């Protein structure tokens, strides 16, 4: 899966990552020590998550985060 994050809102990227893992909101939350409600807030854009959380998810789910300049 490759996501060009510039094309989406942060909450949409978060949801895509969770769906890619095949986990429910509850299971995903448990894997990163968050509640199902927190996951819902992140996915609906009602709460912001920080880059540290994104890095934690990437490590746990064996994902790469690549930042590159536009050509």
N, C-alpha and C. Protein backbone atom coordinates (compact mmCIF):
# COMPACT_ATOMS: atom_id res chain seq x y z
N UNK A 1 0.85 -1.18 0.00
CA UNK A 1 0.00 0.00 0.00
C UNK A 1 0.89 1.23 0.00
N UNK A 2 0.59 2.16 -0.88
CA UNK A 2 1.33 3.42 -0.93
C UNK A 2 0.31 4.54 -0.83
N UNK A 3 0.54 5.44 0.10
CA UNK A 3 -0.35 6.59 0.29
C UNK A 3 0.45 7.85 0.03
N UNK A 4 -0.03 8.69 -0.85
CA UNK A 4 0.54 10.02 -1.03
C UNK A 4 -0.27 10.92 -0.11
N UNK A 5 0.25 11.12 1.09
CA UNK A 5 -0.50 11.76 2.16
C UNK A 5 -0.94 13.18 1.81
N UNK A 6 -0.23 13.84 0.92
CA UNK A 6 -0.60 15.22 0.53
C UNK A 6 -2.02 15.28 -0.05
N UNK A 7 -2.50 14.16 -0.56
CA UNK A 7 -3.80 14.13 -1.21
C UNK A 7 -4.97 13.91 -0.24
N UNK A 8 -4.68 13.77 1.05
CA UNK A 8 -5.70 13.42 2.03
C UNK A 8 -5.56 14.27 3.28
N UNK A 9 -6.61 14.26 4.06
CA UNK A 9 -6.56 14.85 5.40
C UNK A 9 -5.91 13.82 6.32
N UNK A 10 -5.35 14.31 7.43
CA UNK A 10 -4.65 13.42 8.37
C UNK A 10 -5.57 12.31 8.87
N UNK A 11 -6.83 12.64 9.17
CA UNK A 11 -7.74 11.62 9.68
C UNK A 11 -8.03 10.54 8.64
N UNK A 12 -8.05 10.92 7.36
CA UNK A 12 -8.28 9.94 6.30
C UNK A 12 -7.10 8.97 6.19
N UNK A 13 -5.89 9.49 6.32
CA UNK A 13 -4.70 8.66 6.28
C UNK A 13 -4.71 7.68 7.45
N UNK A 14 -5.06 8.18 8.62
CA UNK A 14 -5.12 7.34 9.81
C UNK A 14 -6.09 6.17 9.58
N UNK A 15 -7.26 6.47 9.05
CA UNK A 15 -8.26 5.43 8.80
C UNK A 15 -7.78 4.43 7.75
N UNK A 16 -7.13 4.93 6.70
CA UNK A 16 -6.61 4.03 5.66
C UNK A 16 -5.59 3.06 6.24
N UNK A 17 -4.73 3.56 7.11
CA UNK A 17 -3.73 2.70 7.73
C UNK A 17 -4.42 1.64 8.57
N UNK A 18 -5.39 2.05 9.38
CA UNK A 18 -6.10 1.09 10.22
C UNK A 18 -6.81 0.04 9.37
N UNK A 19 -7.50 0.47 8.33
CA UNK A 19 -8.20 -0.48 7.46
C UNK A 19 -7.22 -1.42 6.76
N UNK A 20 -6.05 -0.91 6.39
CA UNK A 20 -5.03 -1.74 5.74
C UNK A 20 -4.58 -2.86 6.66
N UNK A 21 -4.54 -2.59 7.97
CA UNK A 21 -4.13 -3.62 8.92
C UNK A 21 -5.19 -4.70 9.07
N UNK A 22 -6.41 -4.40 8.66
CA UNK A 22 -7.50 -5.37 8.79
C UNK A 22 -8.05 -5.45 10.19
N UNK A 23 -7.69 -4.49 11.04
CA UNK A 23 -8.14 -4.51 12.43
C UNK A 23 -9.37 -3.63 12.61
N UNK A 24 -10.18 -4.03 13.58
CA UNK A 24 -11.31 -3.18 13.97
C UNK A 24 -10.75 -1.98 14.73
N UNK A 25 -11.60 -0.99 14.94
CA UNK A 25 -11.16 0.16 15.72
C UNK A 25 -10.73 -0.27 17.12
N UNK A 26 -11.48 -1.19 17.70
CA UNK A 26 -11.16 -1.68 19.04
C UNK A 26 -9.80 -2.38 19.06
N UNK A 27 -9.60 -3.31 18.12
CA UNK A 27 -8.33 -4.05 18.07
C UNK A 27 -7.15 -3.14 17.76
N UNK A 28 -7.36 -2.22 16.85
CA UNK A 28 -6.29 -1.28 16.50
C UNK A 28 -5.93 -0.42 17.71
N UNK A 29 -6.96 0.06 18.40
CA UNK A 29 -6.73 0.87 19.59
C UNK A 29 -5.95 0.11 20.65
N UNK A 30 -6.32 -1.13 20.86
CA UNK A 30 -5.61 -1.95 21.85
C UNK A 30 -4.15 -2.14 21.47
N UNK A 31 -3.88 -2.26 20.18
CA UNK A 31 -2.50 -2.50 19.73
C UNK A 31 -1.60 -1.28 19.95
N UNK A 32 -2.21 -0.09 20.05
CA UNK A 32 -1.43 1.13 20.27
C UNK A 32 -1.81 1.82 21.59
N UNK A 33 -2.42 1.07 22.48
CA UNK A 33 -2.78 1.56 23.81
C UNK A 33 -3.71 2.77 23.78
N UNK A 34 -4.72 2.69 22.93
CA UNK A 34 -5.75 3.72 22.84
C UNK A 34 -7.11 3.03 22.90
N UNK A 35 -8.12 3.77 23.26
CA UNK A 35 -9.47 3.22 23.31
C UNK A 35 -10.09 3.25 21.92
N UNK A 36 -11.15 2.48 21.76
CA UNK A 36 -11.90 2.50 20.51
C UNK A 36 -12.41 3.92 20.25
N UNK A 37 -12.84 4.59 21.30
CA UNK A 37 -13.35 5.95 21.16
C UNK A 37 -12.27 6.89 20.65
N UNK A 38 -11.05 6.75 21.14
CA UNK A 38 -9.95 7.59 20.66
C UNK A 38 -9.72 7.36 19.18
N UNK A 39 -9.77 6.10 18.76
CA UNK A 39 -9.58 5.78 17.34
C UNK A 39 -10.68 6.42 16.51
N UNK A 40 -11.91 6.35 17.00
CA UNK A 40 -13.02 6.99 16.29
C UNK A 40 -12.78 8.49 16.16
N UNK A 41 -12.34 9.14 17.23
CA UNK A 41 -12.06 10.57 17.18
C UNK A 41 -10.97 10.90 16.16
N UNK A 42 -9.92 10.10 16.13
CA UNK A 42 -8.85 10.31 15.15
C UNK A 42 -9.39 10.17 13.73
N UNK A 43 -10.19 9.13 13.49
CA UNK A 43 -10.68 8.86 12.14
C UNK A 43 -11.71 9.89 11.67
N UNK A 44 -12.47 10.45 12.59
CA UNK A 44 -13.48 11.45 12.22
C UNK A 44 -12.93 12.86 12.24
N UNK A 45 -11.64 13.00 12.60
CA UNK A 45 -11.01 14.31 12.63
C UNK A 45 -11.43 15.16 13.82
N UNK A 46 -11.99 14.52 14.85
CA UNK A 46 -12.42 15.25 16.04
C UNK A 46 -11.29 15.41 17.06
N UNK A 47 -10.22 14.66 16.86
CA UNK A 47 -9.05 14.76 17.73
C UNK A 47 -7.82 14.57 16.84
N UNK A 48 -6.81 15.36 17.09
CA UNK A 48 -5.57 15.23 16.32
C UNK A 48 -4.63 14.23 16.98
N UNK A 49 -3.86 13.57 16.17
CA UNK A 49 -2.83 12.67 16.68
C UNK A 49 -1.48 13.28 16.29
N UNK A 50 -0.45 12.91 17.03
CA UNK A 50 0.85 13.49 16.74
C UNK A 50 1.71 12.53 15.90
N UNK A 51 2.81 13.06 15.41
CA UNK A 51 3.70 12.29 14.55
C UNK A 51 4.30 11.11 15.30
N UNK A 52 4.50 11.26 16.60
CA UNK A 52 5.04 10.16 17.41
C UNK A 52 4.12 8.96 17.36
N UNK A 53 2.81 9.19 17.41
CA UNK A 53 1.85 8.08 17.32
C UNK A 53 1.94 7.43 15.95
N UNK A 54 2.06 8.23 14.91
CA UNK A 54 2.19 7.68 13.56
C UNK A 54 3.44 6.81 13.44
N UNK A 55 4.54 7.25 14.04
CA UNK A 55 5.77 6.46 14.03
C UNK A 55 5.59 5.16 14.80
N UNK A 56 4.89 5.22 15.93
CA UNK A 56 4.62 4.01 16.72
C UNK A 56 3.82 3.00 15.91
N UNK A 57 2.80 3.49 15.21
CA UNK A 57 1.97 2.62 14.37
C UNK A 57 2.82 2.00 13.27
N UNK A 58 3.65 2.82 12.63
CA UNK A 58 4.49 2.32 11.54
C UNK A 58 5.40 1.20 12.02
N UNK A 59 5.97 1.35 13.20
CA UNK A 59 6.85 0.31 13.74
C UNK A 59 6.08 -0.97 14.04
N UNK A 60 4.93 -0.83 14.69
CA UNK A 60 4.15 -2.00 15.08
C UNK A 60 3.58 -2.74 13.88
N UNK A 61 3.23 -2.00 12.84
CA UNK A 61 2.59 -2.61 11.66
C UNK A 61 3.56 -2.85 10.52
N UNK A 62 4.85 -2.62 10.76
CA UNK A 62 5.89 -2.83 9.75
C UNK A 62 5.63 -2.00 8.48
N UNK A 63 5.38 -0.71 8.69
CA UNK A 63 5.13 0.22 7.59
C UNK A 63 6.29 1.19 7.49
N UNK A 64 6.52 1.72 6.31
CA UNK A 64 7.53 2.75 6.09
C UNK A 64 6.84 4.10 5.95
N UNK A 65 7.44 5.11 6.55
CA UNK A 65 7.01 6.49 6.33
C UNK A 65 8.15 7.16 5.57
N UNK A 66 7.84 7.61 4.37
CA UNK A 66 8.86 8.21 3.51
C UNK A 66 8.46 9.65 3.21
N UNK A 67 9.39 10.55 3.44
CA UNK A 67 9.17 11.96 3.10
C UNK A 67 10.15 12.31 2.00
N UNK A 68 9.60 12.75 0.88
CA UNK A 68 10.48 13.10 -0.24
C UNK A 68 10.01 14.38 -0.87
N UNK A 69 10.91 15.06 -1.54
CA UNK A 69 10.55 16.31 -2.18
C UNK A 69 9.79 16.02 -3.47
N UNK A 70 8.93 16.97 -3.81
CA UNK A 70 8.21 16.88 -5.07
C UNK A 70 9.18 17.18 -6.19
N UNK A 71 8.96 16.56 -7.31
CA UNK A 71 9.86 16.80 -8.46
C UNK A 71 9.31 17.81 -9.40
